[in-house]
Each structure stands twice: as C-alpha cells, then as structure tokens.
Amino acid sequence: MASCLLSVDPGLDMTGWAAFRKGLRPPSAPVALARLRETGMIKTSSKKALPERLAALHDGVTETIRRVAAAEVAIEVPSKAGEYRRTGKRNAGAMQNLERAIGAMMVAAAECVGPANVRLFPAPAGAWAKKEHRHAWLRSIAKEANVPLPFGPRGGVPADVWDAIYVGVQVLRTPPMAEP
C-alpha cells in the first residue's frame, strides 16, 4: 500500500511544501519508488501579529496534511551552528521566529499524523548548494532515490518549494528507523 510523505521547508513568511506518494519497495531496489505528487506554499502576512501568523501556519499545515492524506511529515530544522553563524546577532529575532514557526508546524503535524510520524530533518550548515548548482544536484539525488521530478531545471518553482523537495528526497533516501 502506498503512503504519502509531506516535506516542509519552514518559514514565517513563506513555507514551501512537497507531497510525495511513496510506493512499495521492490526487493531489488535500495529505496522505495516515490513520485512527487504536488507542491505548494503557505504564506503569512508580515502585517499580522506573530500569534496570528503562527496560527495561520498551524492551520495551513493541518489543511495540507489532510488534503494530501499524508501519513508522515518531515520538517527541515536549521543547523544551529550554521544558521547562527550565517545570520549573526542582528538576526537573532528572525531565528527565534523561525523556531516558533517550526514549533507550530510540529504541533500541527503531530496532531494529524501522530508524533511518531513526524521527522525533523537537519539542514546542512549554511546554504546547501549554490543556487545555480542546486537544481542539477537535486535532480541527481532524486534520480538516485527513484523520485522523478516532473518539471525542468528551473520550472518556475520557488526556492522554498525546491528546498521542501530536497528535504523529501533526502528523507526518502534515508532508511526508516528501526522500531524500538
């Protein structure tokens, strides 16, 4: 039976997401075949108060999980050392808001699919790939993970969505954790 993985690149202003339909793993394949079903964005208005924006993110993630019938959710989390080094003290407030946004998304995901089906995926320290190389590299790892991407190298896809696709492909490449 196929299941759905929803991967999320969090942000307070814009959150990219990608839904993957996971298939059964053929005995000869190292990873299960998966298909990118759809992608999208959840946006909040910077003119609204922080609690309203966090509630909008919670509701947006909840609605997306239910609409795509996700059984698992993977949320990218920043590498503390890399992100704080890159953003510096002047953006400490932005990092706190990102962490709050991730918290709202984690609660929404846990409510919908259960805490055991929510995975936090650590982002590489700093930018994970230079913009001009990211698309080719992502296509390469997607092919390795048996996840064909249905659009061209750029395809008009926002960076936050590309990042969500990256998270999903990396999670699909990672063997499931053993049951305790």
Protein backbone atom coordinates (compact mmCIF):
# COMPACT_ATOMS: atom_id res chain seq x y z
CA MET A 1 0.00 0.00 0.00
CA ALA A 2 1.30 3.45 -0.91
CA SER A 3 1.56 6.23 1.62
CA CYS A 4 2.24 9.94 1.41
CA LEU A 5 5.17 11.91 2.79
CA LEU A 6 4.77 15.66 3.21
CA SER A 7 8.08 17.51 3.44
CA VAL A 8 8.26 21.09 4.66
CA ASP A 9 10.78 23.92 4.32
CA PRO A 10 9.60 26.17 7.16
CA GLY A 11 9.49 29.92 7.25
CA LEU A 12 7.38 32.52 9.00
CA ASP A 13 6.69 34.44 5.77
CA MET A 14 6.75 31.58 3.26
CA THR A 15 6.74 27.85 3.87
CA GLY A 16 7.35 25.54 0.93
CA TRP A 17 5.98 22.02 0.90
CA ALA A 18 6.13 18.93 -1.29
CA ALA A 19 3.94 15.83 -1.18
CA PHE A 20 5.42 12.51 -2.28
CA ARG A 21 3.44 9.34 -2.96
CA LYS A 22 5.59 6.51 -1.64
CA GLY A 23 5.26 3.10 -3.23
CA LEU A 24 6.30 -0.30 -2.11
CA ARG A 25 10.00 -1.05 -2.31
CA PRO A 26 10.78 -3.72 -4.92
CA PRO A 27 13.10 -6.38 -3.44
CA SER A 28 15.93 -5.38 -5.78
CA ALA A 29 15.71 -1.62 -5.10
CA PRO A 30 17.70 0.09 -2.30
CA VAL A 31 14.87 2.60 -1.75
CA ALA A 32 11.15 2.63 -2.46
CA LEU A 33 9.89 4.19 -5.65
CA ALA A 34 8.23 7.54 -4.95
CA ARG A 35 6.51 10.20 -7.03
CA LEU A 36 6.29 13.90 -6.40
CA ARG A 37 2.52 14.47 -6.29
CA GLU A 38 2.27 18.18 -5.77
CA THR A 39 3.97 21.20 -4.26
CA GLY A 40 2.84 24.46 -2.78
CA MET A 41 3.40 27.38 -0.48
CA ILE A 42 1.86 28.57 2.77
CA LYS A 43 2.21 32.32 3.20
CA THR A 44 1.55 34.62 6.13
CA SER A 45 1.28 38.39 6.16
CA SER A 46 4.00 40.32 7.96
CA LYS A 47 1.31 42.91 8.79
CA LYS A 48 -0.33 40.49 11.23
CA ALA A 49 0.73 39.84 14.81
CA LEU A 50 3.03 36.88 15.49
CA PRO A 51 0.35 34.74 17.21
CA GLU A 52 -1.96 35.17 14.20
CA ARG A 53 0.81 34.19 11.83
CA LEU A 54 1.69 31.10 13.86
CA ALA A 55 -1.99 30.10 13.95
CA ALA A 56 -2.16 30.57 10.16
CA LEU A 57 0.90 28.31 9.72
CA HIS A 58 -0.62 25.68 12.02
CA ASP A 59 -3.89 25.80 10.08
CA GLY A 60 -2.11 25.78 6.70
CA VAL A 61 0.00 22.75 7.59
CA THR A 62 -3.03 20.95 9.04
CA GLU A 63 -5.09 21.63 5.91
CA THR A 64 -2.24 20.50 3.64
CA ILE A 65 -1.65 17.27 5.59
CA ARG A 66 -5.34 16.42 5.42
CA ARG A 67 -5.72 17.36 1.74
CA VAL A 68 -2.76 15.26 0.56
CA ALA A 69 -3.57 12.48 3.08
CA ALA A 70 -0.02 12.48 4.47
CA ALA A 71 0.97 9.59 6.71
CA GLU A 72 4.39 11.12 7.52
CA VAL A 73 5.70 14.68 7.80
CA ALA A 74 9.34 15.75 7.50
CA ILE A 75 10.22 19.27 8.66
CA GLU A 76 13.58 20.86 7.96
CA VAL A 77 15.23 22.35 11.04
CA PRO A 78 18.23 24.67 10.92
CA SER A 79 21.67 23.59 11.93
CA LYS A 80 22.12 25.84 14.95
CA ALA A 81 25.79 26.50 14.46
CA GLY A 82 25.47 27.12 10.74
CA GLU A 83 22.38 29.30 10.91
CA TYR A 84 23.51 31.45 13.84
CA ARG A 85 26.92 31.91 12.28
CA ARG A 86 25.36 32.85 8.95
CA THR A 87 22.68 35.19 10.30
CA GLY A 88 24.65 36.82 13.13
CA LYS A 89 23.30 38.54 16.23
CA ARG A 90 21.34 41.12 14.28
CA ASN A 91 19.03 38.39 13.01
CA ALA A 92 18.61 36.51 16.29
CA GLY A 93 14.95 37.62 16.34
CA ALA A 94 14.42 36.11 12.89
CA MET A 95 15.88 32.80 14.10
CA GLN A 96 13.58 32.85 17.13
CA ASN A 97 10.59 33.43 14.86
CA LEU A 98 11.70 30.57 12.60
CA GLU A 99 11.93 28.30 15.62
CA ARG A 100 8.43 29.37 16.70
CA ALA A 101 7.14 28.65 13.19
CA ILE A 102 8.75 25.20 13.27
CA GLY A 103 7.08 24.59 16.64
CA ALA A 104 3.64 25.48 15.24
CA MET A 105 4.23 23.13 12.31
CA MET A 106 5.41 20.32 14.59
CA VAL A 107 2.26 20.60 16.69
CA ALA A 108 0.04 20.57 13.58
CA ALA A 109 1.87 17.55 12.17
CA ALA A 110 1.78 15.63 15.47
CA GLU A 111 -1.96 16.30 15.80
CA CYS A 112 -2.60 14.97 12.27
CA VAL A 113 -0.23 12.01 11.87
CA GLY A 114 0.94 11.33 15.43
CA PRO A 115 4.27 12.30 16.98
CA ALA A 116 5.98 9.08 15.85
CA ASN A 117 5.36 10.00 12.20
CA VAL A 118 6.93 13.47 12.40
CA ARG A 119 10.61 13.62 11.41
CA LEU A 120 12.88 16.59 11.87
CA PHE A 121 15.44 16.81 9.10
CA PRO A 122 18.61 18.79 9.92
CA ALA A 123 19.54 21.30 7.26
CA PRO A 124 23.16 21.39 6.18
CA ALA A 125 25.10 24.24 7.79
CA GLY A 126 24.81 27.28 5.57
CA ALA A 127 23.36 27.17 2.07
CA TRP A 128 23.02 23.55 0.99
CA ALA A 129 24.01 24.29 -2.58
CA LYS A 130 24.75 27.33 -4.67
CA LYS A 131 21.59 28.39 -6.44
CA GLU A 132 22.98 27.69 -9.90
CA HIS A 133 24.00 24.12 -8.93
CA ARG A 134 21.10 23.20 -6.67
CA HIS A 135 18.71 22.14 -9.44
CA ALA A 136 21.12 19.77 -11.18
CA TRP A 137 22.26 18.31 -7.86
CA LEU A 138 18.67 17.82 -6.66
CA ARG A 139 17.72 16.11 -9.93
CA SER A 140 20.70 13.78 -9.48
CA ILE A 141 19.80 12.70 -5.93
CA ALA A 142 16.12 12.47 -6.90
CA LYS A 143 17.04 10.04 -9.67
CA GLU A 144 19.16 8.03 -7.23
CA ALA A 145 16.19 7.90 -4.83
CA ASN A 146 13.77 6.80 -7.61
CA VAL A 147 11.85 10.09 -7.46
CA PRO A 148 11.35 11.53 -10.96
CA LEU A 149 10.79 15.29 -10.91
CA PRO A 150 8.04 16.40 -13.31
CA PHE A 151 9.48 19.80 -14.24
CA GLY A 152 12.56 21.25 -15.87
CA PRO A 153 15.74 22.52 -14.21
CA ARG A 154 14.15 25.75 -13.04
CA GLY A 155 10.49 25.20 -13.89
CA GLY A 156 9.35 28.42 -12.20
CA VAL A 157 9.42 26.66 -8.85
CA PRO A 158 10.05 28.93 -5.82
CA ALA A 159 13.23 28.32 -3.80
CA ASP A 160 11.21 27.33 -0.71
CA VAL A 161 9.48 24.60 -2.72
CA TRP A 162 12.84 23.35 -4.09
CA ASP A 163 14.07 23.17 -0.50
CA ALA A 164 10.97 21.17 0.53
CA ILE A 165 11.59 18.79 -2.38
CA TYR A 166 15.20 18.44 -1.21
CA VAL A 167 14.03 17.56 2.31
CA GLY A 168 11.59 14.98 0.98
CA VAL A 169 14.12 13.36 -1.33
CA GLN A 170 16.72 13.19 1.45
CA VAL A 171 14.18 11.62 3.83
CA LEU A 172 13.20 9.10 1.15
CA ARG A 173 16.90 8.24 0.68
CA THR A 174 17.32 7.60 4.41
CA PRO A 175 16.36 4.10 5.57
CA PRO A 176 13.50 4.09 8.07
CA MET A 177 14.50 3.96 11.72
CA ALA A 178 14.23 0.56 13.36
CA GLU A 179 11.32 0.03 15.67
CA PRO A 180 12.34 0.08 19.37
